[in-house]
Every structure is written in C-alpha cells, then in structure tokens.
C-alpha cells in the first residue's frame, strides 16, 4: 500500500512539473515592434479679407541709352507689423499705399507645428497691353521663426514629447529649417507674405496683376 502511495505521489509531482513548463517561448530570431498613427484635424487656409500683395505705385526714371537692359527691385516686406516698400535704386520712385496678404489658419489640431510652403519660383504679373513683371524672393513673417528641435539647456540633449515626437521651437534662423509656426490652443495661426518685384527700365505704364499659391501642412 505504501508503495502505491509513493508511486501516486511521484506521478502527481511529475504532472505538476509538466504543467509549469510554458506552452510556447518566443524564439531568439523573433522581435516585437510597436505601431502608431495619429489623426489630425484638417487645416483650412484663407486670405484675410482686404489684404493682397500690393507694391503700390512705382515710377521708373531710367535715362540710360537702353533701359530695356536694366532691372530694378522693389522689395515689399513686413516692418514691425506694417507693410513697407523699399525701392533702393535711384531709378525707381515708390509711392502710394502698399499691402501684404495675411494668411489665416483655422480648424487645426491645437499646439501642433505646421510648415509654410511659399512659391518655389517667380510668378508673372501682366497688364492689358501684354507687358509683364516678375515677382520672386518670397518671404513670410515666420521666415525667421523656422522650427528646430529644442535641446536641454544644461546637457544639450534633444528634447522629446511624451509621445516621443521632437519638441519643436522657433529657431530665429531661417537657414536651419523651413518657415513654420506652432498653432495656438484653438488650432489657429496667421502669417504675412512679402516678395520682391523686378521692374525693367522700359516698363510699360499700366496696372499689373497676377496670383500665387501658398499652402500649410503639419510638420
């Protein structure tokens, strides 16, 4: 009887050992990676009513033998929140009221960084007689607020958000990144665009008009 009890106990111990063994162990040649996606609110970009790229009135006083060979620049830029036209060449006289278009972003996800895409090439302004002028040298009020990754002031190490995305700040240096901005707590923001107008020495008299596109996307 004792032998039978001992045998039964041995069988029970063996069965318990079998239950404790894992049914499956991950092999050394397998690994698990995380997956992630983030849905953001669609951005809406609109031009502020009553604003446009207006270089004002420009008079050309080129008295050279062949003024068609000469081109002068009129630079429209933002000066502490006010549009300002600069005609540095003596052959140009700038006057009248100037204006710069303000672009408003709405409907975005709060506190998210966005990149501003200005025209990558010159556009053409035309007058009814067929003469043209070129606009290039695009800038925005966020040009010097390019977004770069922030760093720890003590260690210099790059900083990350809880979701492991980089902490972005305005660099103050347009050469470091694309022009951009961080949306406010309501998912909104605004910026102003300027450019440079190339005026020939023999430019025809008239009103010149044209259009250009600007877009914004999440960083």
C-alpha atoms as a PDB file:
ATOM      1  CA  UNK A   1       0.000   0.000   0.000  1.00  0.00           C
ATOM      2  CA  UNK A   2       2.835   2.369   0.855  1.00  0.00           C
ATOM      3  CA  UNK A   3       4.493   1.634  -2.495  1.00  0.00           C
ATOM      4  CA  UNK A   4       1.293   2.515  -4.296  1.00  0.00           C
ATOM      5  CA  UNK A   5       1.011   5.812  -2.426  1.00  0.00           C
ATOM      6  CA  UNK A   6       4.595   6.662  -3.222  1.00  0.00           C
ATOM      7  CA  UNK A   7       4.062   5.883  -6.870  1.00  0.00           C
ATOM      8  CA  UNK A   8       0.952   8.058  -6.987  1.00  0.00           C
ATOM      9  CA  UNK A   9       2.817  10.937  -5.354  1.00  0.00           C
ATOM     10  CA  UNK A  10       5.610  10.623  -7.880  1.00  0.00           C
ATOM     11  CA  UNK A  11       3.124  10.735 -10.713  1.00  0.00           C
ATOM     12  CA  UNK A  12       1.460  13.846  -9.226  1.00  0.00           C
ATOM     13  CA  UNK A  13       4.798  15.640  -8.915  1.00  0.00           C
ATOM     14  CA  UNK A  14       5.705  14.784 -12.487  1.00  0.00           C
ATOM     15  CA  UNK A  15       2.338  16.029 -13.727  1.00  0.00           C
ATOM     16  CA  UNK A  16       2.790  19.309 -11.831  1.00  0.00           C
ATOM     17  CA  UNK A  17       6.197  19.803 -13.402  1.00  0.00           C
ATOM     18  CA  UNK A  18       4.698  19.285 -16.835  1.00  0.00           C
ATOM     19  CA  UNK A  19       2.037  21.944 -16.186  1.00  0.00           C
ATOM     20  CA  UNK A  20       4.652  24.521 -15.079  1.00  0.00           C
ATOM     21  CA  UNK A  21       6.524  24.335 -18.412  1.00  0.00           C
ATOM     22  CA  UNK A  22       5.431  27.217 -20.742  1.00  0.00           C
ATOM     23  CA  UNK A  23       3.473  26.083 -23.761  1.00  0.00           C
ATOM     24  CA  UNK A  24       5.437  28.463 -26.022  1.00  0.00           C
ATOM     25  CA  UNK A  25       8.569  30.609 -25.659  1.00  0.00           C
ATOM     26  CA  UNK A  26       9.492  33.352 -28.183  1.00  0.00           C
ATOM     27  CA  UNK A  27      12.437  32.315 -30.306  1.00  0.00           C
ATOM     28  CA  UNK A  28      15.636  34.370 -30.383  1.00  0.00           C
ATOM     29  CA  UNK A  29      15.049  35.221 -34.033  1.00  0.00           C
ATOM     30  CA  UNK A  30      11.728  36.998 -33.298  1.00  0.00           C
ATOM     31  CA  UNK A  31      11.106  40.546 -32.037  1.00  0.00           C
ATOM     32  CA  UNK A  32       8.062  42.704 -31.346  1.00  0.00           C
ATOM     33  CA  UNK A  33       7.759  46.294 -32.635  1.00  0.00           C
ATOM     34  CA  UNK A  34       5.180  48.930 -31.783  1.00  0.00           C
ATOM     35  CA  UNK A  35       2.918  50.551 -34.387  1.00  0.00           C
ATOM     36  CA  UNK A  36       1.456  54.063 -34.241  1.00  0.00           C
ATOM     37  CA  UNK A  37      -0.697  56.526 -36.187  1.00  0.00           C
ATOM     38  CA  UNK A  38      -2.028  59.961 -35.291  1.00  0.00           C
ATOM     39  CA  UNK A  39      -5.104  61.577 -36.824  1.00  0.00           C
ATOM     40  CA  UNK A  40      -5.019  65.381 -37.020  1.00  0.00           C
ATOM     41  CA  UNK A  41      -7.727  67.876 -37.860  1.00  0.00           C
ATOM     42  CA  UNK A  42      -7.743  69.131 -41.449  1.00  0.00           C
ATOM     43  CA  UNK A  43      -6.189  72.582 -41.889  1.00  0.00           C
ATOM     44  CA  UNK A  44      -8.056  75.445 -43.541  1.00  0.00           C
ATOM     45  CA  UNK A  45      -6.032  78.326 -45.031  1.00  0.00           C
ATOM     46  CA  UNK A  46      -7.708  81.578 -46.080  1.00  0.00           C
ATOM     47  CA  UNK A  47      -6.542  85.060 -47.082  1.00  0.00           C
ATOM     48  CA  UNK A  48      -7.671  87.828 -44.759  1.00  0.00           C
ATOM     49  CA  UNK A  49     -10.341  89.916 -46.463  1.00  0.00           C
ATOM     50  CA  UNK A  50      -8.961  93.156 -47.888  1.00  0.00           C
ATOM     51  CA  UNK A  51      -5.310  92.057 -47.927  1.00  0.00           C
ATOM     52  CA  UNK A  52      -3.227  91.389 -51.046  1.00  0.00           C
ATOM     53  CA  UNK A  53       0.313  91.706 -52.371  1.00  0.00           C
ATOM     54  CA  UNK A  54       0.234  95.364 -53.454  1.00  0.00           C
ATOM     55  CA  UNK A  55       3.519  97.083 -54.323  1.00  0.00           C
ATOM     56  CA  UNK A  56       1.785 100.448 -54.557  1.00  0.00           C
ATOM     57  CA  UNK A  57       2.705 102.964 -57.247  1.00  0.00           C
ATOM     58  CA  UNK A  58       6.147 102.838 -58.853  1.00  0.00           C
ATOM     59  CA  UNK A  59       7.661 105.413 -61.219  1.00  0.00           C
ATOM     60  CA  UNK A  60      10.613 104.410 -63.441  1.00  0.00           C
ATOM     61  CA  UNK A  61      13.133 107.152 -64.249  1.00  0.00           C
ATOM     62  CA  UNK A  62      15.726 105.163 -66.181  1.00  0.00           C
ATOM     63  CA  UNK A  63      17.518 107.594 -68.531  1.00  0.00           C
ATOM     64  CA  UNK A  64      20.145 105.155 -69.812  1.00  0.00           C
ATOM     65  CA  UNK A  65      20.708 104.619 -73.522  1.00  0.00           C
ATOM     66  CA  UNK A  66      18.917 101.263 -73.448  1.00  0.00           C
ATOM     67  CA  UNK A  67      16.630 100.984 -70.391  1.00  0.00           C
ATOM     68  CA  UNK A  68      15.353  97.586 -71.579  1.00  0.00           C
ATOM     69  CA  UNK A  69      18.635  96.085 -70.344  1.00  0.00           C
ATOM     70  CA  UNK A  70      18.152  97.277 -66.771  1.00  0.00           C
ATOM     71  CA  UNK A  71      16.064  95.758 -63.986  1.00  0.00           C
ATOM     72  CA  UNK A  72      15.417  97.296 -60.574  1.00  0.00           C
ATOM     73  CA  UNK A  73      13.987  95.718 -57.439  1.00  0.00           C
ATOM     74  CA  UNK A  74      11.107  96.895 -55.282  1.00  0.00           C
ATOM     75  CA  UNK A  75      11.056  94.884 -52.051  1.00  0.00           C
ATOM     76  CA  UNK A  76       7.802  94.547 -50.112  1.00  0.00           C
ATOM     77  CA  UNK A  77       8.380  93.319 -46.560  1.00  0.00           C
ATOM     78  CA  UNK A  78       6.990  93.473 -43.043  1.00  0.00           C
ATOM     79  CA  UNK A  79       8.374  96.165 -40.749  1.00  0.00           C
ATOM     80  CA  UNK A  80       7.225  95.619 -37.161  1.00  0.00           C
ATOM     81  CA  UNK A  81       3.757  94.628 -38.310  1.00  0.00           C
ATOM     82  CA  UNK A  82       3.408  97.245 -41.070  1.00  0.00           C
ATOM     83  CA  UNK A  83       3.948  96.656 -44.815  1.00  0.00           C
ATOM     84  CA  UNK A  84       6.944  98.543 -46.150  1.00  0.00           C
ATOM     85  CA  UNK A  85       8.141  99.033 -49.740  1.00  0.00           C
ATOM     86  CA  UNK A  86      11.851  99.533 -50.387  1.00  0.00           C
ATOM     87  CA  UNK A  87      12.984 100.994 -53.720  1.00  0.00           C
ATOM     88  CA  UNK A  88      16.712 101.322 -53.106  1.00  0.00           C
ATOM     89  CA  UNK A  89      17.577 102.102 -56.749  1.00  0.00           C
ATOM     90  CA  UNK A  90      17.514 105.769 -57.714  1.00  0.00           C
ATOM     91  CA  UNK A  91      15.739 104.820 -60.937  1.00  0.00           C
ATOM     92  CA  UNK A  92      12.625 103.826 -59.007  1.00  0.00           C
ATOM     93  CA  UNK A  93      10.325 106.097 -57.023  1.00  0.00           C
ATOM     94  CA  UNK A  94       7.895 104.305 -54.713  1.00  0.00           C
ATOM     95  CA  UNK A  95       4.685 105.935 -53.528  1.00  0.00           C
ATOM     96  CA  UNK A  96       1.078 105.182 -52.615  1.00  0.00           C
ATOM     97  CA  UNK A  97      -0.316 102.649 -50.169  1.00  0.00           C
ATOM     98  CA  UNK A  98       1.202  99.167 -50.059  1.00  0.00           C
ATOM     99  CA  UNK A  99      -0.319  95.984 -48.688  1.00  0.00           C
ATOM    100  CA  UNK A 100       0.696  92.440 -47.817  1.00  0.00           C
ATOM    101  CA  UNK A 101      -1.616  89.392 -47.734  1.00  0.00           C
ATOM    102  CA  UNK A 102      -2.332  87.850 -44.350  1.00  0.00           C
ATOM    103  CA  UNK A 103      -2.983  84.114 -44.382  1.00  0.00           C
ATOM    104  CA  UNK A 104      -5.134  82.679 -41.583  1.00  0.00           C
ATOM    105  CA  UNK A 105      -5.006  79.032 -40.481  1.00  0.00           C
ATOM    106  CA  UNK A 106      -8.029  77.512 -38.770  1.00  0.00           C
ATOM    107  CA  UNK A 107      -9.532  74.133 -37.928  1.00  0.00           C
ATOM    108  CA  UNK A 108      -6.186  72.607 -36.979  1.00  0.00           C
ATOM    109  CA  UNK A 109      -5.148  70.472 -34.043  1.00  0.00           C
ATOM    110  CA  UNK A 110      -4.146  72.595 -31.050  1.00  0.00           C
ATOM    111  CA  UNK A 111      -0.458  73.306 -30.415  1.00  0.00           C
ATOM    112  CA  UNK A 112       0.769  71.362 -33.440  1.00  0.00           C
ATOM    113  CA  UNK A 113       3.647  72.701 -35.596  1.00  0.00           C
ATOM    114  CA  UNK A 114       2.980  73.472 -39.262  1.00  0.00           C
ATOM    115  CA  UNK A 115       5.264  74.258 -42.194  1.00  0.00           C
ATOM    116  CA  UNK A 116       4.533  77.126 -44.586  1.00  0.00           C
ATOM    117  CA  UNK A 117       5.163  76.479 -48.290  1.00  0.00           C
ATOM    118  CA  UNK A 118       5.697  79.651 -50.329  1.00  0.00           C
ATOM    119  CA  UNK A 119       6.024  79.702 -54.137  1.00  0.00           C
ATOM    120  CA  UNK A 120       9.200  77.915 -55.217  1.00  0.00           C
ATOM    121  CA  UNK A 121       9.598  80.049 -58.341  1.00  0.00           C
ATOM    122  CA  UNK A 122       8.800  83.503 -59.677  1.00  0.00           C
ATOM    123  CA  UNK A 123       5.306  84.425 -60.833  1.00  0.00           C
ATOM    124  CA  UNK A 124       4.359  86.834 -63.601  1.00  0.00           C
ATOM    125  CA  UNK A 125       2.265  89.976 -63.295  1.00  0.00           C
ATOM    126  CA  UNK A 126       0.685  91.159 -66.547  1.00  0.00           C
ATOM    127  CA  UNK A 127      -1.023  94.316 -67.792  1.00  0.00           C
ATOM    128  CA  UNK A 128      -3.679  94.615 -70.502  1.00  0.00           C
ATOM    129  CA  UNK A 129      -1.144  95.621 -73.148  1.00  0.00           C
ATOM    130  CA  UNK A 130       0.795  92.375 -72.710  1.00  0.00           C
ATOM    131  CA  UNK A 131       3.807  93.654 -70.776  1.00  0.00           C
ATOM    132  CA  UNK A 132       4.902  91.654 -67.734  1.00  0.00           C
ATOM    133  CA  UNK A 133       6.872  91.903 -64.492  1.00  0.00           C
ATOM    134  CA  UNK A 134       8.354  89.148 -62.340  1.00  0.00           C
ATOM    135  CA  UNK A 135       7.770  88.591 -58.618  1.00  0.00           C
ATOM    136  CA  UNK A 136      10.151  86.376 -56.614  1.00  0.00           C
ATOM    137  CA  UNK A 137      12.157  86.411 -53.386  1.00  0.00           C
ATOM    138  CA  UNK A 138       9.212  85.185 -51.322  1.00  0.00           C
ATOM    139  CA  UNK A 139       9.297  85.715 -47.553  1.00  0.00           C
ATOM    140  CA  UNK A 140       6.895  85.427 -44.640  1.00  0.00           C
ATOM    141  CA  UNK A 141       6.708  86.833 -41.136  1.00  0.00           C
ATOM    142  CA  UNK A 142       7.592  83.315 -39.950  1.00  0.00           C
ATOM    143  CA  UNK A 143      10.719  83.150 -42.134  1.00  0.00           C
ATOM    144  CA  UNK A 144      12.948  83.816 -39.131  1.00  0.00           C
ATOM    145  CA  UNK A 145      10.893  81.517 -36.946  1.00  0.00           C
ATOM    146  CA  UNK A 146      11.933  78.246 -38.541  1.00  0.00           C
ATOM    147  CA  UNK A 147      11.142  75.188 -36.430  1.00  0.00           C
ATOM    148  CA  UNK A 148      14.007  73.193 -34.933  1.00  0.00           C
ATOM    149  CA  UNK A 149      14.215  70.596 -32.183  1.00  0.00           C
ATOM    150  CA  UNK A 150      14.691  72.088 -28.723  1.00  0.00           C
ATOM    151  CA  UNK A 151      17.574  70.974 -26.519  1.00  0.00           C
ATOM    152  CA  UNK A 152      18.165  70.688 -22.791  1.00  0.00           C
ATOM    153  CA  UNK A 153      19.808  73.943 -21.618  1.00  0.00           C
ATOM    154  CA  UNK A 154      22.186  72.019 -19.335  1.00  0.00           C
ATOM    155  CA  UNK A 155      23.105  68.850 -21.216  1.00  0.00           C
ATOM    156  CA  UNK A 156      22.389  69.976 -24.764  1.00  0.00           C
ATOM    157  CA  UNK A 157      20.488  66.747 -25.403  1.00  0.00           C
ATOM    158  CA  UNK A 158      17.483  66.891 -27.785  1.00  0.00           C
ATOM    159  CA  UNK A 159      14.097  67.102 -26.066  1.00  0.00           C
ATOM    160  CA  UNK A 160      11.097  64.879 -26.836  1.00  0.00           C
ATOM    161  CA  UNK A 161       7.384  64.995 -26.031  1.00  0.00           C
ATOM    162  CA  UNK A 162       5.713  62.147 -24.080  1.00  0.00           C
ATOM    163  CA  UNK A 163       4.724  60.549 -27.402  1.00  0.00           C
ATOM    164  CA  UNK A 164       8.413  60.583 -28.438  1.00  0.00           C
ATOM    165  CA  UNK A 165       7.909  63.308 -31.063  1.00  0.00           C
ATOM    166  CA  UNK A 166      10.553  66.090 -31.021  1.00  0.00           C
ATOM    167  CA  UNK A 167       9.902  69.260 -29.049  1.00  0.00           C
ATOM    168  CA  UNK A 168       9.944  71.988 -31.729  1.00  0.00           C
ATOM    169  CA  UNK A 169      10.763  75.644 -31.121  1.00  0.00           C
ATOM    170  CA  UNK A 170      11.326  78.681 -33.304  1.00  0.00           C
ATOM    171  CA  UNK A 171      14.976  78.965 -34.193  1.00  0.00           C
ATOM    172  CA  UNK A 172      15.286  82.611 -35.229  1.00  0.00           C
ATOM    173  CA  UNK A 173      17.457  81.415 -38.119  1.00  0.00           C
ATOM    174  CA  UNK A 174      15.805  80.882 -41.499  1.00  0.00           C
ATOM    175  CA  UNK A 175      18.717  78.739 -42.725  1.00  0.00           C
ATOM    176  CA  UNK A 176      18.039  75.908 -40.277  1.00  0.00           C
ATOM    177  CA  UNK A 177      14.574  74.749 -41.345  1.00  0.00           C
ATOM    178  CA  UNK A 178      11.536  75.552 -43.422  1.00  0.00           C
ATOM    179  CA  UNK A 179       9.426  78.543 -42.337  1.00  0.00           C
ATOM    180  CA  UNK A 180       6.847  77.368 -39.866  1.00  0.00           C
ATOM    181  CA  UNK A 181       4.838  78.087 -36.781  1.00  0.00           C
ATOM    182  CA  UNK A 182       3.055  76.383 -33.901  1.00  0.00           C
ATOM    183  CA  UNK A 183      -0.735  76.586 -33.882  1.00  0.00           C
ATOM    184  CA  UNK A 184      -2.331  78.118 -30.804  1.00  0.00           C
ATOM    185  CA  UNK A 185      -4.596  76.343 -28.326  1.00  0.00           C
ATOM    186  CA  UNK A 186      -7.531  76.689 -30.711  1.00  0.00           C
ATOM    187  CA  UNK A 187      -5.630  75.203 -33.678  1.00  0.00           C
ATOM    188  CA  UNK A 188      -5.253  78.598 -35.360  1.00  0.00           C
ATOM    189  CA  UNK A 189      -2.450  80.857 -36.573  1.00  0.00           C
ATOM    190  CA  UNK A 190      -1.652  83.577 -39.100  1.00  0.00           C
ATOM    191  CA  UNK A 191       1.284  84.888 -41.125  1.00  0.00           C
ATOM    192  CA  UNK A 192       2.030  87.589 -43.711  1.00  0.00           C
ATOM    193  CA  UNK A 193       3.780  87.111 -47.065  1.00  0.00           C
ATOM    194  CA  UNK A 194       6.081  89.527 -48.887  1.00  0.00           C
ATOM    195  CA  UNK A 195       8.162  89.408 -52.077  1.00  0.00           C
ATOM    196  CA  UNK A 196      10.391  91.344 -54.497  1.00  0.00           C
ATOM    197  CA  UNK A 197       9.132  92.922 -57.726  1.00  0.00           C
ATOM    198  CA  UNK A 198      11.557  93.188 -60.665  1.00  0.00           C
ATOM    199  CA  UNK A 199      10.912  96.376 -62.695  1.00  0.00           C
ATOM    200  CA  UNK A 200      12.540  96.924 -66.102  1.00  0.00           C
ATOM    201  CA  UNK A 201      13.853 100.314 -67.057  1.00  0.00           C
ATOM    202  CA  UNK A 202      11.410 100.452 -70.006  1.00  0.00           C
ATOM    203  CA  UNK A 203       8.387  99.044 -68.177  1.00  0.00           C
ATOM    204  CA  UNK A 204       5.065  99.931 -69.819  1.00  0.00           C
ATOM    205  CA  UNK A 205       2.611 102.125 -67.926  1.00  0.00           C
ATOM    206  CA  UNK A 206      -0.361 100.189 -66.564  1.00  0.00           C
ATOM    207  CA  UNK A 207      -1.767  98.088 -63.747  1.00  0.00           C
ATOM    208  CA  UNK A 208      -0.136  94.643 -63.454  1.00  0.00           C
ATOM    209  CA  UNK A 209      -1.941  91.737 -61.795  1.00  0.00           C
ATOM    210  CA  UNK A 210      -1.359  88.053 -61.067  1.00  0.00           C
ATOM    211  CA  UNK A 211      -1.877  85.307 -58.478  1.00  0.00           C
ATOM    212  CA  UNK A 212       0.227  82.956 -56.378  1.00  0.00           C
ATOM    213  CA  UNK A 213      -0.367  79.956 -54.124  1.00  0.00           C
ATOM    214  CA  UNK A 214       0.644  79.323 -50.515  1.00  0.00           C
ATOM    215  CA  UNK A 215       0.000  76.154 -48.526  1.00  0.00           C
ATOM    216  CA  UNK A 216       0.460  74.827 -44.986  1.00  0.00           C
ATOM    217  CA  UNK A 217       0.944  71.289 -43.717  1.00  0.00           C
ATOM    218  CA  UNK A 218       1.686  69.663 -40.389  1.00  0.00           C
ATOM    219  CA  UNK A 219       5.356  69.262 -39.506  1.00  0.00           C
END
